[in-house]
Protein backbone atom coordinates (compact mmCIF):
# COMPACT_ATOMS: atom_id res chain seq x y z
CA MET A 1 17.29 -16.11 -28.88
CA LYS A 2 13.68 -15.26 -29.74
CA ALA A 3 14.12 -12.16 -27.59
CA LEU A 4 16.50 -10.82 -30.27
CA PHE A 5 13.86 -11.41 -32.95
CA ASP A 6 11.20 -9.70 -30.82
CA GLN A 7 13.39 -6.67 -30.22
CA THR A 8 14.39 -6.42 -33.87
CA CYS A 9 10.72 -6.39 -34.91
CA ARG A 10 9.96 -3.65 -32.39
CA GLU A 11 12.86 -1.60 -33.73
CA CYS A 12 11.48 -1.99 -37.26
CA THR A 13 8.25 -0.28 -36.20
CA MET A 14 10.25 2.50 -34.54
CA LEU A 15 12.15 3.04 -37.81
CA ILE A 16 8.87 3.12 -39.77
CA THR A 17 7.46 5.76 -37.44
CA HIS A 18 10.56 7.93 -37.68
CA ARG A 19 10.62 7.71 -41.48
CA TYR A 20 6.94 8.47 -41.98
CA SER A 21 6.00 10.98 -39.29
CA THR A 22 8.11 13.62 -37.57
CA SER A 23 5.18 14.68 -35.39
CA PHE A 24 4.28 11.23 -34.10
CA SER A 25 7.95 10.37 -33.58
CA MET A 26 8.35 13.43 -31.37
CA GLY A 27 5.12 12.65 -29.54
CA ILE A 28 6.03 9.01 -28.85
CA LYS A 29 9.39 10.03 -27.38
CA ALA A 30 7.42 12.01 -24.79
CA PHE A 31 5.71 8.86 -23.46
CA GLY A 32 7.01 6.85 -20.55
CA LYS A 33 9.61 4.35 -21.77
CA SER A 34 7.36 1.33 -21.29
CA LEU A 35 4.72 2.84 -23.59
CA ARG A 36 6.96 3.64 -26.53
CA PRO A 37 7.42 0.15 -28.08
CA PRO A 38 3.68 -0.70 -28.15
CA ILE A 39 2.75 2.71 -29.59
CA TYR A 40 5.46 2.38 -32.25
CA ALA A 41 4.00 -1.05 -33.06
CA ILE A 42 0.49 0.35 -33.45
CA TYR A 43 1.73 3.17 -35.67
CA GLY A 44 3.79 0.79 -37.82
CA TYR A 45 0.78 -1.46 -38.30
CA VAL A 46 -1.69 1.24 -39.31
CA ARG A 47 0.94 2.96 -41.47
CA PHE A 48 1.57 -0.17 -43.54
CA ALA A 49 -2.15 -0.81 -44.02
CA ASP A 50 -2.51 2.80 -45.17
CA GLU A 51 0.39 2.32 -47.60
CA ILE A 52 -1.42 -0.59 -49.25
CA VAL A 53 -4.43 1.53 -50.16
CA ASP A 54 -2.62 4.81 -50.83
CA THR A 55 0.62 4.07 -52.65
CA PHE A 56 0.61 0.56 -54.11
CA GLU A 57 -0.86 1.51 -57.48
CA GLY A 58 -0.18 -1.10 -60.15
CA HIS A 59 -0.68 -3.92 -57.65
CA ASP A 60 -3.85 -5.75 -56.67
CA GLN A 61 -4.44 -3.59 -53.61
CA ALA A 62 -7.66 -5.34 -52.58
CA SER A 63 -5.91 -8.71 -52.53
CA LEU A 64 -2.93 -7.28 -50.67
CA LEU A 65 -5.20 -5.75 -48.03
CA GLU A 66 -7.17 -8.96 -47.62
CA ARG A 67 -3.93 -10.91 -47.24
CA PHE A 68 -2.77 -8.35 -44.68
CA ARG A 69 -6.04 -8.87 -42.77
CA GLN A 70 -5.67 -12.65 -42.78
CA GLU A 71 -2.02 -12.52 -41.77
CA THR A 72 -2.85 -10.08 -38.98
CA PHE A 73 -5.24 -12.48 -37.29
CA LEU A 74 -3.00 -15.49 -37.91
CA ALA A 75 -0.17 -13.61 -36.19
CA ILE A 76 -2.45 -12.77 -33.25
CA ARG A 77 -3.66 -16.37 -32.98
CA ASP A 78 -0.20 -17.92 -33.27
CA GLY A 79 1.68 -15.27 -31.29
CA ILE A 80 4.30 -14.93 -34.01
CA SER A 81 4.86 -13.67 -37.55
CA LEU A 82 7.83 -13.45 -39.87
CA ASN A 83 6.51 -10.04 -40.92
CA PRO A 84 8.21 -7.78 -38.32
CA VAL A 85 5.36 -5.24 -38.30
CA LEU A 86 2.72 -7.93 -37.72
CA HIS A 87 4.88 -9.62 -35.10
CA ALA A 88 5.34 -6.42 -33.12
CA PHE A 89 1.64 -5.62 -33.45
CA GLN A 90 0.44 -9.05 -32.32
CA GLU A 91 2.60 -8.68 -29.21
CA VAL A 92 0.64 -5.55 -28.31
CA VAL A 93 -2.76 -7.06 -29.11
CA ASN A 94 -2.07 -10.12 -26.99
CA ARG A 95 -0.26 -8.31 -24.16
CA TYR A 96 -3.02 -5.74 -23.65
CA ASP A 97 -6.05 -7.88 -24.63
CA MET A 98 -6.94 -5.47 -27.42
CA ASP A 99 -10.48 -5.83 -28.74
CA HIS A 100 -10.23 -7.50 -32.15
CA GLN A 101 -13.24 -5.52 -33.34
CA LEU A 102 -11.05 -2.42 -33.31
CA ILE A 103 -8.73 -4.08 -35.80
CA GLU A 104 -11.62 -5.24 -37.98
CA ALA A 105 -13.13 -1.75 -38.04
CA PHE A 106 -9.78 -0.24 -38.98
CA LEU A 107 -9.25 -2.67 -41.87
CA ASP A 108 -12.83 -2.15 -43.05
CA SER A 109 -12.15 1.59 -43.35
CA MET A 110 -8.95 0.91 -45.26
CA ALA A 111 -10.98 -1.21 -47.67
CA MET A 112 -13.38 1.72 -48.15
CA ASP A 113 -10.49 3.72 -49.62
CA LEU A 114 -10.23 1.21 -52.45
CA GLY A 115 -13.78 1.62 -53.67
CA LYS A 116 -15.31 4.83 -52.35
CA ASP A 117 -14.18 8.30 -53.38
CA ARG A 118 -17.20 10.26 -52.08
CA HIS A 119 -18.92 10.04 -48.70
CA GLY A 120 -22.33 10.81 -47.31
CA ARG A 121 -22.65 11.53 -43.60
CA THR A 122 -23.16 7.89 -42.60
CA SER A 123 -20.23 6.51 -44.56
CA PHE A 124 -18.04 9.44 -43.46
CA ASP A 125 -18.76 8.74 -39.78
CA GLU A 126 -18.09 5.04 -40.37
CA TYR A 127 -14.83 5.84 -42.11
CA ILE A 128 -13.69 8.25 -39.39
CA TYR A 129 -14.48 5.68 -36.71
CA GLY A 130 -12.50 2.91 -38.40
CA SER A 131 -9.60 4.92 -39.77
CA ALA A 132 -8.96 7.19 -36.79
CA GLU A 133 -11.12 6.75 -33.71
CA VAL A 134 -10.21 3.09 -33.28
CA VAL A 135 -6.52 3.96 -33.55
CA GLY A 136 -7.02 6.24 -30.56
CA LEU A 137 -8.75 3.35 -28.79
CA MET A 138 -5.89 0.99 -29.63
CA CYS A 139 -3.51 3.44 -27.98
CA LEU A 140 -5.87 3.92 -25.04
CA THR A 141 -5.86 0.14 -24.51
CA VAL A 142 -2.11 0.41 -23.94
CA PHE A 143 -2.31 3.54 -21.79
CA VAL A 144 -4.78 2.06 -19.28
CA ASP A 145 -3.18 -1.42 -19.32
CA ARG A 146 -6.41 -3.45 -19.13
CA ASP A 147 -8.13 -1.18 -16.61
CA GLN A 148 -11.64 -1.48 -18.06
CA ALA A 149 -13.11 1.26 -15.87
CA ALA A 150 -10.47 3.73 -17.04
CA PHE A 151 -10.98 2.66 -20.65
CA ALA A 152 -14.74 3.25 -20.42
CA ARG A 153 -14.20 6.67 -18.83
CA LEU A 154 -11.75 7.80 -21.52
CA GLU A 155 -13.22 6.08 -24.58
CA GLY A 156 -15.32 9.03 -25.75
CA PRO A 157 -12.54 11.66 -25.58
CA ALA A 158 -10.08 9.24 -27.21
CA ARG A 159 -12.44 8.79 -30.14
CA ARG A 160 -12.91 12.54 -30.50
CA LEU A 161 -9.14 13.11 -30.51
CA GLY A 162 -8.68 10.54 -33.27
CA ALA A 163 -11.53 12.14 -35.23
CA ALA A 164 -10.03 15.62 -34.85
CA PHE A 165 -6.61 14.43 -36.04
CA GLN A 166 -8.15 12.75 -39.09
CA LYS A 167 -10.30 15.72 -40.07
CA VAL A 168 -7.28 18.03 -39.82
CA ASN A 169 -5.38 15.57 -42.02
CA PHE A 170 -8.20 15.68 -44.57
CA LEU A 171 -8.04 19.48 -44.66
CA ARG A 172 -4.24 19.49 -44.89
CA ASP A 173 -4.19 16.83 -47.64
CA MET A 174 -7.25 17.97 -49.58
CA LYS A 175 -5.24 18.80 -52.70
CA SER A 176 -3.31 15.51 -52.90
CA ASP A 177 -6.32 13.38 -51.94
CA PHE A 178 -8.33 14.88 -54.79
CA GLU A 179 -5.65 15.25 -57.46
CA GLU A 180 -3.76 12.01 -56.84
CA ARG A 181 -6.54 9.68 -55.65
CA GLY A 182 -9.80 11.37 -56.65
CA ARG A 183 -11.03 11.35 -53.05
CA ILE A 184 -13.25 13.83 -51.26
CA TYR A 185 -13.83 12.74 -47.68
CA PHE A 186 -16.06 15.49 -46.29
CA PRO A 187 -19.75 14.86 -47.03
CA GLY A 188 -21.43 17.39 -49.27
CA VAL A 189 -18.15 19.08 -50.25
CA ASP A 190 -17.10 19.66 -53.86
CA PHE A 191 -13.34 20.21 -54.08
CA THR A 192 -13.68 22.37 -57.18
CA ALA A 193 -16.15 24.64 -55.35
CA PHE A 194 -14.79 24.40 -51.77
CA SER A 195 -16.25 27.44 -50.09
CA LEU A 196 -15.68 29.46 -46.94
CA GLU A 197 -18.99 28.13 -45.65
CA ASP A 198 -17.77 24.55 -46.17
CA LYS A 199 -14.50 25.33 -44.41
CA LEU A 200 -16.15 27.02 -41.42
CA ARG A 201 -18.58 24.14 -40.98
CA ILE A 202 -15.76 21.59 -40.92
CA GLU A 203 -13.67 23.75 -38.58
CA ALA A 204 -16.54 24.00 -36.09
CA GLU A 205 -16.73 20.20 -36.01
CA VAL A 206 -12.99 19.89 -35.45
CA GLU A 207 -13.00 22.52 -32.72
CA GLU A 208 -15.70 20.64 -30.80
CA ASP A 209 -13.76 17.37 -31.20
CA PHE A 210 -10.60 18.97 -29.80
CA HIS A 211 -12.50 20.51 -26.88
CA ILE A 212 -13.93 17.17 -25.76
CA ALA A 213 -10.64 15.38 -26.42
CA LEU A 214 -8.73 17.69 -24.11
CA GLU A 215 -10.98 16.73 -21.21
CA GLY A 216 -9.84 13.14 -21.64
CA ILE A 217 -6.16 13.99 -22.14
CA LEU A 218 -6.11 15.64 -18.71
CA MET A 219 -7.36 12.38 -17.16
CA LEU A 220 -4.76 10.12 -18.77
CA PRO A 221 -2.14 8.30 -16.67
CA ASP A 222 1.03 10.31 -16.07
CA SER A 223 3.06 8.07 -18.39
CA ALA A 224 0.82 8.92 -21.37
CA ARG A 225 -0.52 12.42 -20.66
CA PHE A 226 2.43 14.52 -21.82
CA GLY A 227 2.93 12.59 -25.07
CA VAL A 228 -0.74 12.76 -26.03
CA PHE A 229 -0.94 16.43 -25.06
CA LEU A 230 2.11 17.13 -27.20
CA ALA A 231 0.45 15.46 -30.23
CA TYR A 232 -2.65 17.51 -29.44
CA ARG A 233 -0.55 20.69 -29.46
CA PHE A 234 1.05 19.77 -32.80
CA TYR A 235 -2.35 19.27 -34.38
CA THR A 236 -4.01 22.31 -32.86
CA LYS A 237 -1.11 24.42 -34.14
CA LEU A 238 -1.60 22.92 -37.62
CA PHE A 239 -5.34 23.52 -37.29
CA ASP A 240 -4.70 27.17 -36.40
CA ARG A 241 -2.69 27.57 -39.60
CA ILE A 242 -5.47 26.00 -41.63
CA ARG A 243 -8.06 28.29 -40.02
CA ARG A 244 -5.99 31.33 -40.96
CA SER A 245 -5.80 30.12 -44.58
CA THR A 246 -8.38 30.82 -47.24
CA PRO A 247 -10.28 27.98 -48.94
CA GLU A 248 -8.18 28.67 -52.04
CA GLU A 249 -4.95 28.25 -50.05
CA VAL A 250 -6.17 24.98 -48.54
CA LYS A 251 -6.93 23.71 -52.05
CA ALA A 252 -3.62 24.87 -53.47
CA SER A 253 -1.01 23.49 -51.06
CA ARG A 254 -0.30 21.22 -48.12
CA ILE A 255 -0.18 23.38 -45.00
CA ARG A 256 2.55 22.42 -42.56
CA VAL A 257 4.06 23.32 -39.20
CA PRO A 258 7.85 23.74 -39.66
CA ASN A 259 10.11 21.43 -37.66
CA TRP A 260 11.67 24.38 -35.81
CA ARG A 261 8.21 25.37 -34.55
CA LYS A 262 7.53 21.78 -33.52
CA ALA A 263 10.75 21.89 -31.49
CA LEU A 264 9.58 25.09 -29.78
CA LEU A 265 6.24 23.43 -29.03
CA ILE A 266 8.02 20.54 -27.35
CA CYS A 267 9.95 22.93 -25.10
CA SER A 268 6.96 25.10 -24.21
CA THR A 269 4.68 22.10 -23.61
CA PHE A 270 7.30 20.49 -21.39
CA VAL A 271 7.61 23.66 -19.30
CA GLU A 272 3.82 23.97 -19.04
CA SER A 273 3.51 20.36 -17.91
CA ARG A 274 6.22 20.75 -15.25
CA LEU A 275 4.56 23.90 -13.93
CA GLY A 276 1.12 22.29 -13.91
CA LEU A 277 -0.22 24.70 -16.53
CA ILE A 278 -1.79 22.05 -18.79
CA LYS A 279 -5.53 22.56 -18.33
CA GLN A 280 -8.76 23.39 -20.11
């Protein structure tokens, strides 16, 4: 009956994804059926690690994160965990031979959130790599199913897509990151004096990331391409809204794409994909 336990753990990560992210839930549903459970598992894992450092105030977050790290690698080694998120995640790591260094880099970036509220360029790049780029690489590991040549070919664009998503998140969440957690992620940026020049510089970086990422999306296997492209469309639409906003508006509120517009994006992206219109 272990199959029932395995399936229940996978369903837990699906529930976590649906509760925490409308956009990613919609995107994952666009993947081939075989890809959905492992991508839910990856999202559930990174979401819970993020919760430790973002929302568990009043608890010893450093100890909780270190315990999470230890239990992660015990689950991977033993092939089982009574924590449903870790159990589902270890299945993915072991099934797809995921590089453990990706997991270490991710957890290292989570630990940075507990002790660093300002970044220089070096620490920012390190944080972006561990918090976002490696998540793209975890997903790519699943998409290519141990095809090392395909992984090497797509690694760069996958990293740039993760970086673009994270930088857009930082712009979207600038107010809450600063007011609730005292964090400023972008190097050389002062929240209280966030200028148009600052905003344009960051947007140019994001635009370049998205441009390179799209090249890789077009080379993904059929089972993954539409889902990743849909997530790309969600984020570029959000990015467009941020670009049309003033620095003062970015500082004042969390910019969103309404769910009805997300639904329209799904329909239009589906039509474009069926007609072969997805291209650079």
